[in-house]
Amino acid sequence: MELFYSYGSNPPLYPEWQEYLREHQPPTLIVWGKNDPIFPAEGAHPYKRDLKNVEFHLLDTGHFALEEDGKFIAIAIREFFQPKPSS
């Protein structure tokens, strides 16, 4: 419950996190449930604005995307961490 109640401390930190992403450009995998009532899909799209190296998946799931589409997510994670060929 402590984690649940501490969530309110996160939003004020968003600008700092967004600046970190813009500055450091970490490779990022976004897998989001488009029907999530807690974290709506609108919250996923700004990552595409700030990150150049983003793999983005908006799934037809709700908040419990791992339970609804776990196999796809596991494959996406595995592929994301596979070594990439050099250009």
Protein backbone atom coordinates (compact mmCIF):
# COMPACT_ATOMS: atom_id res chain seq x y z
CA MET A 1 0.00 0.00 0.00
CA GLU A 2 2.92 2.32 0.68
CA LEU A 3 3.92 2.15 -2.99
CA PHE A 4 0.34 2.93 -4.04
CA TYR A 5 0.14 5.98 -1.80
CA SER A 6 3.58 7.25 -2.81
CA TYR A 7 2.63 7.42 -6.51
CA GLY A 8 1.49 11.02 -6.07
CA SER A 9 5.14 12.03 -5.56
CA ASN A 10 5.98 10.95 -9.15
CA PRO A 11 4.26 13.58 -11.37
CA PRO A 12 6.36 16.51 -10.08
CA LEU A 13 9.45 14.55 -11.19
CA TYR A 14 8.23 14.03 -14.78
CA PRO A 15 10.03 17.09 -16.23
CA GLU A 16 13.32 15.87 -14.73
CA TRP A 17 12.83 12.37 -16.16
CA GLN A 18 11.82 13.74 -19.55
CA GLU A 19 14.95 15.90 -19.66
CA TYR A 20 17.06 12.84 -18.81
CA LEU A 21 15.50 10.90 -21.69
CA ARG A 22 16.00 13.77 -24.14
CA GLU A 23 19.62 14.24 -23.09
CA HIS A 24 20.77 10.61 -22.82
CA GLN A 25 18.54 8.92 -25.42
CA PRO A 26 18.57 5.42 -23.91
CA PRO A 27 17.21 2.69 -26.20
CA THR A 28 13.66 2.21 -24.92
CA LEU A 29 10.93 -0.38 -25.33
CA ILE A 30 7.40 0.92 -24.73
CA VAL A 31 4.65 -1.71 -24.44
CA TRP A 32 1.36 -0.13 -23.36
CA GLY A 33 -2.24 -1.23 -23.09
CA LYS A 34 -4.38 1.11 -25.16
CA ASN A 35 -7.42 0.36 -22.99
CA ASP A 36 -5.65 0.94 -19.66
CA PRO A 37 -7.97 3.07 -17.48
CA ILE A 38 -5.18 3.83 -14.97
CA PHE A 39 -2.40 4.85 -17.40
CA PRO A 40 -4.28 5.90 -20.57
CA ALA A 41 -2.67 5.49 -23.98
CA GLU A 42 -2.23 9.28 -24.24
CA GLY A 43 0.55 8.91 -21.67
CA ALA A 44 2.56 6.61 -23.92
CA HIS A 45 2.87 8.85 -26.96
CA PRO A 46 5.06 11.63 -25.47
CA TYR A 47 7.92 9.12 -25.19
CA LYS A 48 8.05 9.04 -28.98
CA ARG A 49 8.54 12.81 -28.95
CA ASP A 50 11.51 12.68 -26.56
CA LEU A 51 13.26 9.50 -27.70
CA LYS A 52 14.91 8.80 -31.03
CA ASN A 53 15.58 5.11 -30.39
CA VAL A 54 12.20 3.87 -29.20
CA GLU A 55 10.36 0.68 -30.05
CA PHE A 56 6.68 1.41 -29.45
CA HIS A 57 3.81 -1.08 -29.12
CA LEU A 58 0.28 -0.03 -28.21
CA LEU A 59 -1.58 -3.27 -27.49
CA ASP A 60 -5.30 -3.98 -27.44
CA THR A 61 -5.17 -4.69 -23.69
CA GLY A 62 -6.07 -3.03 -20.43
CA HIS A 63 -3.97 -2.33 -17.34
CA PHE A 64 -2.83 -5.94 -16.99
CA ALA A 65 -1.17 -6.22 -20.38
CA LEU A 66 1.20 -8.96 -19.22
CA GLU A 67 -1.73 -11.18 -18.32
CA GLU A 68 -3.62 -10.35 -21.50
CA ASP A 69 -0.76 -10.45 -24.02
CA GLY A 70 2.19 -11.88 -22.10
CA LYS A 71 3.56 -13.99 -24.93
CA PHE A 72 3.84 -11.00 -27.29
CA ILE A 73 5.44 -8.88 -24.55
CA ALA A 74 7.97 -11.59 -23.65
CA ILE A 75 8.98 -11.91 -27.30
CA ALA A 76 9.26 -8.12 -27.65
CA ILE A 77 11.51 -7.92 -24.58
CA ARG A 78 13.69 -10.78 -25.79
CA GLU A 79 14.07 -9.25 -29.25
CA PHE A 80 14.72 -5.79 -27.84
CA PHE A 81 17.70 -7.08 -25.88
CA GLN A 82 19.16 -9.08 -28.76
CA PRO A 83 22.43 -7.64 -30.04
CA LYS A 84 21.84 -5.41 -33.07
CA PRO A 85 24.06 -5.62 -36.15
CA SER A 86 26.39 -2.64 -36.58
CA SER A 87 25.67 -0.26 -39.46
